[in-house]
């Protein structure tokens, strides 16, 4: 009878340890810095701009119109983004306007 109690107690302790380790591993997220998030956002805009303009195949008027529309869209998205202030938005839009 004492052996059964000891094994039961040991099994419960092992089960609790396994559950705690599992939940601890599931909750570990990589925290990215604000600067990294900004870089990722700008890189995404650059990729989208490049991909959209490549589809137009050299028609300069269509490229100009599409680039203008995309820059307006990016400006609106950035103005609602908490990571960017007005000066940073201007710099990003200027950089994107010279890109591609």
PDB file of N, CA and C in Angstrom:
ATOM      1  N   UNK A   1       0.814  -1.185   0.000  1.00  0.00           N
ATOM      2  CA  UNK A   1       0.000   0.000   0.000  1.00  0.00           C
ATOM      3  C   UNK A   1       0.864   1.257   0.000  1.00  0.00           C
ATOM      4  N   UNK A   2       1.925   1.293   0.761  1.00  0.00           N
ATOM      5  CA  UNK A   2       2.816   2.434   0.802  1.00  0.00           C
ATOM      6  C   UNK A   2       3.520   2.639  -0.542  1.00  0.00           C
ATOM      7  N   UNK A   3       3.848   1.550  -1.214  1.00  0.00           N
ATOM      8  CA  UNK A   3       4.521   1.626  -2.510  1.00  0.00           C
ATOM      9  C   UNK A   3       3.586   2.256  -3.544  1.00  0.00           C
ATOM     10  N   UNK A   4       2.314   1.907  -3.495  1.00  0.00           N
ATOM     11  CA  UNK A   4       1.344   2.476  -4.437  1.00  0.00           C
ATOM     12  C   UNK A   4       1.206   3.985  -4.227  1.00  0.00           C
ATOM     13  N   UNK A   5       1.210   4.424  -3.007  1.00  0.00           N
ATOM     14  CA  UNK A   5       1.109   5.849  -2.704  1.00  0.00           C
ATOM     15  C   UNK A   5       2.351   6.589  -3.198  1.00  0.00           C
ATOM     16  N   UNK A   6       3.519   5.997  -2.996  1.00  0.00           N
ATOM     17  CA  UNK A   6       4.774   6.603  -3.451  1.00  0.00           C
ATOM     18  C   UNK A   6       4.793   6.704  -4.969  1.00  0.00           C
ATOM     19  N   UNK A   7       4.408   5.623  -5.680  1.00  0.00           N
ATOM     20  CA  UNK A   7       4.375   5.652  -7.142  1.00  0.00           C
ATOM     21  C   UNK A   7       3.332   6.650  -7.660  1.00  0.00           C
ATOM     22  N   UNK A   8       2.196   6.731  -7.017  1.00  0.00           N
ATOM     23  CA  UNK A   8       1.158   7.684  -7.421  1.00  0.00           C
ATOM     24  C   UNK A   8       1.663   9.119  -7.252  1.00  0.00           C
ATOM     25  N   UNK A   9       2.274   9.398  -6.110  1.00  0.00           N
ATOM     26  CA  UNK A   9       2.834  10.721  -5.851  1.00  0.00           C
ATOM     27  C   UNK A   9       3.905  11.061  -6.882  1.00  0.00           C
ATOM     28  N   UNK A  10       4.795  10.110  -7.175  1.00  0.00           N
ATOM     29  CA  UNK A  10       5.851  10.308  -8.169  1.00  0.00           C
ATOM     30  C   UNK A  10       5.258  10.569  -9.552  1.00  0.00           C
ATOM     31  N   UNK A  11       4.217   9.826  -9.922  1.00  0.00           N
ATOM     32  CA  UNK A  11       3.573  10.005 -11.228  1.00  0.00           C
ATOM     33  C   UNK A  11       2.926  11.384 -11.329  1.00  0.00           C
ATOM     34  N   UNK A  12       2.313  11.831 -10.263  1.00  0.00           N
ATOM     35  CA  UNK A  12       1.674  13.145 -10.264  1.00  0.00           C
ATOM     36  C   UNK A  12       2.724  14.242 -10.397  1.00  0.00           C
ATOM     37  N   UNK A  13       3.834  14.121  -9.697  1.00  0.00           N
ATOM     38  CA  UNK A  13       4.911  15.111  -9.777  1.00  0.00           C
ATOM     39  C   UNK A  13       5.483  15.158 -11.192  1.00  0.00           C
ATOM     40  N   UNK A  14       5.724  14.001 -11.781  1.00  0.00           N
ATOM     41  CA  UNK A  14       6.259  13.943 -13.148  1.00  0.00           C
ATOM     42  C   UNK A  14       5.264  14.567 -14.126  1.00  0.00           C
ATOM     43  N   UNK A  15       3.998  14.277 -13.981  1.00  0.00           N
ATOM     44  CA  UNK A  15       2.972  14.843 -14.850  1.00  0.00           C
ATOM     45  C   UNK A  15       2.931  16.371 -14.734  1.00  0.00           C
ATOM     46  N   UNK A  16       3.000  16.881 -13.530  1.00  0.00           N
ATOM     47  CA  UNK A  16       2.998  18.336 -13.327  1.00  0.00           C
ATOM     48  C   UNK A  16       4.228  18.972 -13.963  1.00  0.00           C
ATOM     49  N   UNK A  17       5.394  18.351 -13.820  1.00  0.00           N
ATOM     50  CA  UNK A  17       6.624  18.876 -14.408  1.00  0.00           C
ATOM     51  C   UNK A  17       6.516  18.906 -15.928  1.00  0.00           C
ATOM     52  N   UNK A  18       5.996  17.843 -16.522  1.00  0.00           N
ATOM     53  CA  UNK A  18       5.839  17.786 -17.979  1.00  0.00           C
ATOM     54  C   UNK A  18       4.879  18.873 -18.457  1.00  0.00           C
ATOM     55  N   UNK A  19       3.785  19.066 -17.750  1.00  0.00           N
ATOM     56  CA  UNK A  19       2.808  20.086 -18.135  1.00  0.00           C
ATOM     57  C   UNK A  19       3.422  21.484 -18.031  1.00  0.00           C
ATOM     58  N   UNK A  20       4.145  21.760 -16.963  1.00  0.00           N
ATOM     59  CA  UNK A  20       4.773  23.067 -16.792  1.00  0.00           C
ATOM     60  C   UNK A  20       5.796  23.323 -17.888  1.00  0.00           C
ATOM     61  N   UNK A  21       6.617  22.354 -18.200  1.00  0.00           N
ATOM     62  CA  UNK A  21       7.630  22.518 -19.257  1.00  0.00           C
ATOM     63  C   UNK A  21       6.967  22.750 -20.606  1.00  0.00           C
ATOM     64  N   UNK A  22       5.908  22.021 -20.887  1.00  0.00           N
ATOM     65  CA  UNK A  22       5.198  22.183 -22.163  1.00  0.00           C
ATOM     66  C   UNK A  22       4.619  23.587 -22.298  1.00  0.00           C
ATOM     67  N   UNK A  23       3.960  24.078 -21.274  1.00  0.00           N
ATOM     68  CA  UNK A  23       3.387  25.421 -21.346  1.00  0.00           C
ATOM     69  C   UNK A  23       4.460  26.496 -21.392  1.00  0.00           C
ATOM     70  N   UNK A  24       5.547  26.294 -20.712  1.00  0.00           N
ATOM     71  CA  UNK A  24       6.623  27.280 -20.720  1.00  0.00           C
ATOM     72  C   UNK A  24       7.237  27.396 -22.118  1.00  0.00           C
ATOM     73  N   UNK A  25       7.417  26.270 -22.796  1.00  0.00           N
ATOM     74  CA  UNK A  25       7.975  26.300 -24.151  1.00  0.00           C
ATOM     75  C   UNK A  25       6.998  26.900 -25.138  1.00  0.00           C
ATOM     76  N   UNK A  26       5.712  26.678 -24.956  1.00  0.00           N
ATOM     77  CA  UNK A  26       4.706  27.196 -25.876  1.00  0.00           C
ATOM     78  C   UNK A  26       4.583  28.712 -25.779  1.00  0.00           C
ATOM     79  N   UNK A  27       4.900  29.304 -24.649  1.00  0.00           N
ATOM     80  CA  UNK A  27       4.712  30.740 -24.440  1.00  0.00           C
ATOM     81  C   UNK A  27       5.943  31.568 -24.740  1.00  0.00           C
ATOM     82  N   UNK A  28       7.033  30.962 -25.130  1.00  0.00           N
ATOM     83  CA  UNK A  28       8.233  31.737 -25.416  1.00  0.00           C
ATOM     84  C   UNK A  28       8.158  32.254 -26.846  1.00  0.00           C
ATOM     85  N   UNK A  29       7.969  33.556 -26.970  1.00  0.00           N
ATOM     86  CA  UNK A  29       7.927  34.220 -28.270  1.00  0.00           C
ATOM     87  C   UNK A  29       9.147  35.105 -28.395  1.00  0.00           C
ATOM     88  N   UNK A  30       9.632  35.214 -29.609  1.00  0.00           N
ATOM     89  CA  UNK A  30      10.743  36.120 -29.833  1.00  0.00           C
ATOM     90  C   UNK A  30      10.194  37.544 -29.906  1.00  0.00           C
ATOM     91  N   UNK A  31      10.728  38.397 -29.089  1.00  0.00           N
ATOM     92  CA  UNK A  31      10.301  39.790 -29.073  1.00  0.00           C
ATOM     93  C   UNK A  31      11.225  40.580 -29.994  1.00  0.00           C
ATOM     94  N   UNK A  32      10.617  41.186 -31.005  1.00  0.00           N
ATOM     95  CA  UNK A  32      11.405  41.975 -31.944  1.00  0.00           C
ATOM     96  C   UNK A  32      11.400  43.422 -31.492  1.00  0.00           C
ATOM     97  N   UNK A  33      12.479  44.092 -31.776  1.00  0.00           N
ATOM     98  CA  UNK A  33      12.577  45.495 -31.376  1.00  0.00           C
ATOM     99  C   UNK A  33      11.769  46.375 -32.331  1.00  0.00           C
ATOM    100  N   UNK A  34      11.539  47.586 -31.892  1.00  0.00           N
ATOM    101  CA  UNK A  34      10.800  48.552 -32.697  1.00  0.00           C
ATOM    102  C   UNK A  34      11.522  48.828 -34.015  1.00  0.00           C
ATOM    103  N   UNK A  35      12.841  48.916 -33.951  1.00  0.00           N
ATOM    104  CA  UNK A  35      13.628  49.185 -35.165  1.00  0.00           C
ATOM    105  C   UNK A  35      13.500  48.037 -36.161  1.00  0.00           C
ATOM    106  N   UNK A  36      13.522  46.810 -35.669  1.00  0.00           N
ATOM    107  CA  UNK A  36      13.384  45.660 -36.563  1.00  0.00           C
ATOM    108  C   UNK A  36      12.012  45.631 -37.214  1.00  0.00           C
ATOM    109  N   UNK A  37      10.980  45.986 -36.456  1.00  0.00           N
ATOM    110  CA  UNK A  37       9.630  46.027 -37.018  1.00  0.00           C
ATOM    111  C   UNK A  37       9.529  47.083 -38.118  1.00  0.00           C
ATOM    112  N   UNK A  38      10.151  48.240 -37.881  1.00  0.00           N
ATOM    113  CA  UNK A  38      10.147  49.296 -38.893  1.00  0.00           C
ATOM    114  C   UNK A  38      10.839  48.831 -40.167  1.00  0.00           C
ATOM    115  N   UNK A  39      11.982  48.202 -40.005  1.00  0.00           N
ATOM    116  CA  UNK A  39      12.739  47.710 -41.164  1.00  0.00           C
ATOM    117  C   UNK A  39      11.921  46.685 -41.930  1.00  0.00           C
ATOM    118  N   UNK A  40      11.251  45.783 -41.215  1.00  0.00           N
ATOM    119  CA  UNK A  40      10.426  44.774 -41.868  1.00  0.00           C
ATOM    120  C   UNK A  40       9.280  45.409 -42.648  1.00  0.00           C
ATOM    121  N   UNK A  41       8.667  46.434 -42.067  1.00  0.00           N
ATOM    122  CA  UNK A  41       7.555  47.110 -42.744  1.00  0.00           C
ATOM    123  C   UNK A  41       8.042  47.788 -44.019  1.00  0.00           C
ATOM    124  N   UNK A  42       9.146  48.515 -43.936  1.00  0.00           N
ATOM    125  CA  UNK A  42       9.683  49.218 -45.114  1.00  0.00           C
ATOM    126  C   UNK A  42      10.128  48.214 -46.177  1.00  0.00           C
ATOM    127  N   UNK A  43      10.763  47.132 -45.756  1.00  0.00           N
ATOM    128  CA  UNK A  43      11.182  46.106 -46.721  1.00  0.00           C
ATOM    129  C   UNK A  43       9.976  45.476 -47.418  1.00  0.00           C
ATOM    130  N   UNK A  44       8.897  45.297 -46.683  1.00  0.00           N
ATOM    131  CA  UNK A  44       7.668  44.776 -47.292  1.00  0.00           C
ATOM    132  C   UNK A  44       7.114  45.727 -48.334  1.00  0.00           C
ATOM    133  N   UNK A  45       7.145  47.021 -48.025  1.00  0.00           N
ATOM    134  CA  UNK A  45       6.696  48.013 -49.001  1.00  0.00           C
ATOM    135  C   UNK A  45       7.591  48.019 -50.239  1.00  0.00           C
ATOM    136  N   UNK A  46       8.896  47.906 -50.045  1.00  0.00           N
ATOM    137  CA  UNK A  46       9.818  47.874 -51.183  1.00  0.00           C
ATOM    138  C   UNK A  46       9.545  46.664 -52.066  1.00  0.00           C
ATOM    139  N   UNK A  47       9.342  45.525 -51.447  1.00  0.00           N
ATOM    140  CA  UNK A  47       9.079  44.307 -52.208  1.00  0.00           C
ATOM    141  C   UNK A  47       7.771  44.434 -52.990  1.00  0.00           C
ATOM    142  N   UNK A  48       6.744  44.943 -52.323  1.00  0.00           N
ATOM    143  CA  UNK A  48       5.456  45.098 -53.001  1.00  0.00           C
ATOM    144  C   UNK A  48       5.553  46.087 -54.160  1.00  0.00           C
ATOM    145  N   UNK A  49       6.261  47.197 -53.932  1.00  0.00           N
ATOM    146  CA  UNK A  49       6.440  48.197 -54.981  1.00  0.00           C
ATOM    147  C   UNK A  49       7.177  47.597 -56.171  1.00  0.00           C
ATOM    148  N   UNK A  50       8.257  46.892 -55.901  1.00  0.00           N
ATOM    149  CA  UNK A  50       9.041  46.272 -56.968  1.00  0.00           C
ATOM    150  C   UNK A  50       8.205  45.244 -57.734  1.00  0.00           C
ATOM    151  N   UNK A  51       7.473  44.398 -57.011  1.00  0.00           N
ATOM    152  CA  UNK A  51       6.668  43.366 -57.663  1.00  0.00           C
ATOM    153  C   UNK A  51       5.566  43.963 -58.528  1.00  0.00           C
ATOM    154  N   UNK A  52       4.912  44.993 -58.008  1.00  0.00           N
ATOM    155  CA  UNK A  52       3.824  45.628 -58.767  1.00  0.00           C
ATOM    156  C   UNK A  52       4.351  46.323 -60.029  1.00  0.00           C
ATOM    157  N   UNK A  53       5.500  46.979 -59.910  1.00  0.00           N
ATOM    158  CA  UNK A  53       6.036  47.717 -61.060  1.00  0.00           C
ATOM    159  C   UNK A  53       6.621  46.784 -62.120  1.00  0.00           C
ATOM    160  N   UNK A  54       7.120  45.631 -61.697  1.00  0.00           N
ATOM    161  CA  UNK A  54       7.652  44.671 -62.671  1.00  0.00           C
ATOM    162  C   UNK A  54       6.557  44.125 -63.574  1.00  0.00           C
ATOM    163  N   UNK A  55       5.340  44.079 -63.077  1.00  0.00           N
ATOM    164  CA  UNK A  55       4.222  43.571 -63.869  1.00  0.00           C
ATOM    165  C   UNK A  55       3.851  44.509 -65.013  1.00  0.00           C
ATOM    166  N   UNK A  56       4.221  45.778 -64.906  1.00  0.00           N
ATOM    167  CA  UNK A  56       3.834  46.766 -65.911  1.00  0.00           C
ATOM    168  C   UNK A  56       4.764  46.779 -67.114  1.00  0.00           C
ATOM    169  N   UNK A  57       5.906  46.143 -67.011  1.00  0.00           N
ATOM    170  CA  UNK A  57       6.740  45.791 -68.151  1.00  0.00           C
ATOM    171  C   UNK A  57       7.362  46.943 -68.931  1.00  0.00           C
ATOM    172  N   UNK A  58       7.439  48.133 -68.408  1.00  0.00           N
ATOM    173  CA  UNK A  58       8.157  49.201 -69.096  1.00  0.00           C
ATOM    174  C   UNK A  58       7.283  50.329 -69.600  1.00  0.00           C
ATOM    175  N   UNK A  59       5.978  50.245 -69.448  1.00  0.00           N
ATOM    176  CA  UNK A  59       5.086  51.331 -69.832  1.00  0.00           C
ATOM    177  C   UNK A  59       5.252  52.449 -68.804  1.00  0.00           C
ATOM    178  N   UNK A  60       5.987  53.499 -69.158  1.00  0.00           N
ATOM    179  CA  UNK A  60       6.377  54.538 -68.208  1.00  0.00           C
ATOM    180  C   UNK A  60       5.183  55.267 -67.597  1.00  0.00           C
ATOM    181  N   UNK A  61       4.158  55.527 -68.388  1.00  0.00           N
ATOM    182  CA  UNK A  61       2.983  56.224 -67.867  1.00  0.00           C
ATOM    183  C   UNK A  61       2.249  55.347 -66.848  1.00  0.00           C
ATOM    184  N   UNK A  62       2.102  54.071 -67.155  1.00  0.00           N
ATOM    185  CA  UNK A  62       1.437  53.146 -66.232  1.00  0.00           C
ATOM    186  C   UNK A  62       2.266  52.964 -64.960  1.00  0.00           C
ATOM    187  N   UNK A  63       3.588  52.903 -65.120  1.00  0.00           N
ATOM    188  CA  UNK A  63       4.475  52.771 -63.956  1.00  0.00           C
ATOM    189  C   UNK A  63       4.334  53.988 -63.051  1.00  0.00           C
ATOM    190  N   UNK A  64       4.311  55.174 -63.667  1.00  0.00           N
ATOM    191  CA  UNK A  64       4.194  56.412 -62.895  1.00  0.00           C
ATOM    192  C   UNK A  64       2.873  56.450 -62.125  1.00  0.00           C
ATOM    193  N   UNK A  65       1.777  56.083 -62.791  1.00  0.00           N
ATOM    194  CA  UNK A  65       0.466  56.094 -62.139  1.00  0.00           C
ATOM    195  C   UNK A  65       0.383  55.058 -61.019  1.00  0.00           C
ATOM    196  N   UNK A  66       0.888  53.864 -61.281  1.00  0.00           N
ATOM    197  CA  UNK A  66       0.848  52.795 -60.280  1.00  0.00           C
ATOM    198  C   UNK A  66       1.721  53.143 -59.077  1.00  0.00           C
ATOM    199  N   UNK A  67       2.900  53.691 -59.340  1.00  0.00           N
ATOM    200  CA  UNK A  67       3.806  54.071 -58.253  1.00  0.00           C
ATOM    201  C   UNK A  67       3.171  55.157 -57.396  1.00  0.00           C
ATOM    202  N   UNK A  68       2.529  56.126 -58.022  1.00  0.00           N
ATOM    203  CA  UNK A  68       1.862  57.197 -57.296  1.00  0.00           C
ATOM    204  C   UNK A  68       0.737  56.642 -56.429  1.00  0.00           C
ATOM    205  N   UNK A  69      -0.058  55.733 -56.975  1.00  0.00           N
ATOM    206  CA  UNK A  69      -1.160  55.135 -56.213  1.00  0.00           C
ATOM    207  C   UNK A  69      -0.631  54.320 -55.035  1.00  0.00           C
ATOM    208  N   UNK A  70       0.433  53.555 -55.258  1.00  0.00           N
ATOM    209  CA  UNK A  70       1.007  52.747 -54.183  1.00  0.00           C
ATOM    210  C   UNK A  70       1.605  53.625 -53.088  1.00  0.00           C
ATOM    211  N   UNK A  71       2.288  54.697 -53.470  1.00  0.00           N
ATOM    212  CA  UNK A  71       2.871  55.589 -52.475  1.00  0.00           C
ATOM    213  C   UNK A  71       1.790  56.261 -51.627  1.00  0.00           C
ATOM    214  N   UNK A  72       0.674  56.610 -52.241  1.00  0.00           N
ATOM    215  CA  UNK A  72      -0.440  57.176 -51.474  1.00  0.00           C
ATOM    216  C   UNK A  72      -0.990  56.142 -50.492  1.00  0.00           C
ATOM    217  N   UNK A  73      -1.117  54.918 -50.959  1.00  0.00           N
ATOM    218  CA  UNK A  73      -1.606  53.841 -50.093  1.00  0.00           C
ATOM    219  C   UNK A  73      -0.636  53.592 -48.931  1.00  0.00           C
ATOM    220  N   UNK A  74       0.659  53.544 -49.241  1.00  0.00           N
ATOM    221  CA  UNK A  74       1.667  53.327 -48.200  1.00  0.00           C
ATOM    222  C   UNK A  74       1.648  54.470 -47.187  1.00  0.00           C
ATOM    223  N   UNK A  75       1.482  55.701 -47.685  1.00  0.00           N
ATOM    224  CA  UNK A  75       1.433  56.862 -46.808  1.00  0.00           C
ATOM    225  C   UNK A  75       0.253  56.758 -45.837  1.00  0.00           C
ATOM    226  N   UNK A  76      -0.890  56.336 -46.336  1.00  0.00           N
ATOM    227  CA  UNK A  76      -2.065  56.187 -45.482  1.00  0.00           C
ATOM    228  C   UNK A  76      -1.843  55.089 -44.434  1.00  0.00           C
ATOM    229  N   UNK A  77      -1.256  53.980 -44.854  1.00  0.00           N
ATOM    230  CA  UNK A  77      -0.995  52.888 -43.923  1.00  0.00           C
ATOM    231  C   UNK A  77       0.012  53.299 -42.853  1.00  0.00           C
ATOM    232  N   UNK A  78       1.054  53.998 -43.262  1.00  0.00           N
ATOM    233  CA  UNK A  78       2.072  54.426 -42.307  1.00  0.00           C
ATOM    234  C   UNK A  78       1.535  55.470 -41.325  1.00  0.00           C
ATOM    235  N   UNK A  79       0.617  56.309 -41.792  1.00  0.00           N
ATOM    236  CA  UNK A  79       0.070  57.334 -40.893  1.00  0.00           C
ATOM    237  C   UNK A  79      -0.756  56.703 -39.775  1.00  0.00           C
ATOM    238  N   UNK A  80      -1.254  55.486 -39.996  1.00  0.00           N
ATOM    239  CA  UNK A  80      -2.005  54.776 -38.956  1.00  0.00           C
ATOM    240  C   UNK A  80      -1.131  53.833 -38.147  1.00  0.00           C
ATOM    241  N   UNK A  81       0.144  53.745 -38.501  1.00  0.00           N
ATOM    242  CA  UNK A  81       1.053  52.829 -37.820  1.00  0.00           C
ATOM    243  C   UNK A  81       1.668  53.508 -36.602  1.00  0.00           C
ATOM    244  N   UNK A  82       1.685  52.818 -35.476  1.00  0.00           N
ATOM    245  CA  UNK A  82       2.168  53.423 -34.227  1.00  0.00           C
ATOM    246  C   UNK A  82       3.684  53.543 -34.177  1.00  0.00           C
ATOM    247  N   UNK A  83       4.399  52.864 -35.052  1.00  0.00           N
ATOM    248  CA  UNK A  83       5.853  52.871 -35.009  1.00  0.00           C
ATOM    249  C   UNK A  83       6.466  54.070 -35.728  1.00  0.00           C
ATOM    250  N   UNK A  84       5.699  54.761 -36.557  1.00  0.00           N
ATOM    251  CA  UNK A  84       6.237  55.835 -37.388  1.00  0.00           C
ATOM    252  C   UNK A  84       5.615  57.174 -37.004  1.00  0.00           C
ATOM    253  N   UNK A  85       6.469  58.208 -36.909  1.00  0.00           N
ATOM    254  CA  UNK A  85       5.949  59.568 -36.741  1.00  0.00           C
ATOM    255  C   UNK A  85       5.984  60.259 -38.110  1.00  0.00           C
ATOM    256  N   UNK A  86       5.560  61.511 -38.165  1.00  0.00           N
ATOM    257  CA  UNK A  86       5.419  62.205 -39.446  1.00  0.00           C
ATOM    258  C   UNK A  86       6.748  62.342 -40.195  1.00  0.00           C
ATOM    259  N   UNK A  87       7.816  62.661 -39.477  1.00  0.00           N
ATOM    260  CA  UNK A  87       9.117  62.817 -40.136  1.00  0.00           C
ATOM    261  C   UNK A  87       9.610  61.496 -40.711  1.00  0.00           C
ATOM    262  N   UNK A  88       9.410  60.430 -39.975  1.00  0.00           N
ATOM    263  CA  UNK A  88       9.837  59.118 -40.468  1.00  0.00           C
ATOM    264  C   UNK A  88       9.010  58.702 -41.678  1.00  0.00           C
ATOM    265  N   UNK A  89       7.726  59.033 -41.666  1.00  0.00           N
ATOM    266  CA  UNK A  89       6.868  58.701 -42.803  1.00  0.00           C
ATOM    267  C   UNK A  89       7.361  59.428 -44.047  1.00  0.00           C
ATOM    268  N   UNK A  90       7.714  60.705 -43.902  1.00  0.00           N
ATOM    269  CA  UNK A  90       8.236  61.466 -45.048  1.00  0.00           C
ATOM    270  C   UNK A  90       9.508  60.826 -45.603  1.00  0.00           C
ATOM    271  N   UNK A  91      10.397  60.423 -44.698  1.00  0.00           N
ATOM    272  CA  UNK A  91      11.652  59.803 -45.131  1.00  0.00           C
ATOM    273  C   UNK A  91      11.390  58.487 -45.861  1.00  0.00           C
ATOM    274  N   UNK A  92      10.469  57.692 -45.320  1.00  0.00           N
ATOM    275  CA  UNK A  92      10.164  56.395 -45.941  1.00  0.00           C
ATOM    276  C   UNK A  92       9.536  56.598 -47.313  1.00  0.00           C
ATOM    277  N   UNK A  93       8.586  57.505 -47.418  1.00  0.00           N
ATOM    278  CA  UNK A  93       7.923  57.750 -48.704  1.00  0.00           C
ATOM    279  C   UNK A  93       8.927  58.306 -49.711  1.00  0.00           C
ATOM    280  N   UNK A  94       9.815  59.186 -49.285  1.00  0.00           N
ATOM    281  CA  UNK A  94      10.855  59.698 -50.173  1.00  0.00           C
ATOM    282  C   UNK A  94      11.767  58.571 -50.643  1.00  0.00           C
ATOM    283  N   UNK A  95      12.143  57.709 -49.721  1.00  0.00           N
ATOM    284  CA  UNK A  95      13.004  56.567 -50.079  1.00  0.00           C
ATOM    285  C   UNK A  95      12.277  55.646 -51.055  1.00  0.00           C
ATOM    286  N   UNK A  96      10.992  55.386 -50.803  1.00  0.00           N
ATOM    287  CA  UNK A  96      10.237  54.513 -51.699  1.00  0.00           C
ATOM    288  C   UNK A  96      10.016  55.162 -53.065  1.00  0.00           C
ATOM    289  N   UNK A  97       9.865  56.485 -53.103  1.00  0.00           N
ATOM    290  CA  UNK A  97       9.658  57.157 -54.384  1.00  0.00           C
ATOM    291  C   UNK A  97      10.901  57.074 -55.266  1.00  0.00           C
ATOM    292  N   UNK A  98      12.065  56.986 -54.654  1.00  0.00           N
ATOM    293  CA  UNK A  98      13.299  56.857 -55.418  1.00  0.00           C
ATOM    294  C   UNK A  98      13.644  55.400 -55.714  1.00  0.00           C
ATOM    295  N   UNK A  99      12.938  54.488 -55.072  1.00  0.00           N
ATOM    296  CA  UNK A  99      13.193  53.054 -55.218  1.00  0.00           C
ATOM    297  C   UNK A  99      12.518  52.532 -56.477  1.00  0.00           C
ATOM    298  N   UNK A 100      13.120  51.574 -57.094  1.00  0.00           N
ATOM    299  CA  UNK A 100      12.612  50.873 -58.277  1.00  0.00           C
ATOM    300  C   UNK A 100      12.486  51.733 -59.446  1.00  0.00           C
TER     301      UNK A 100
END
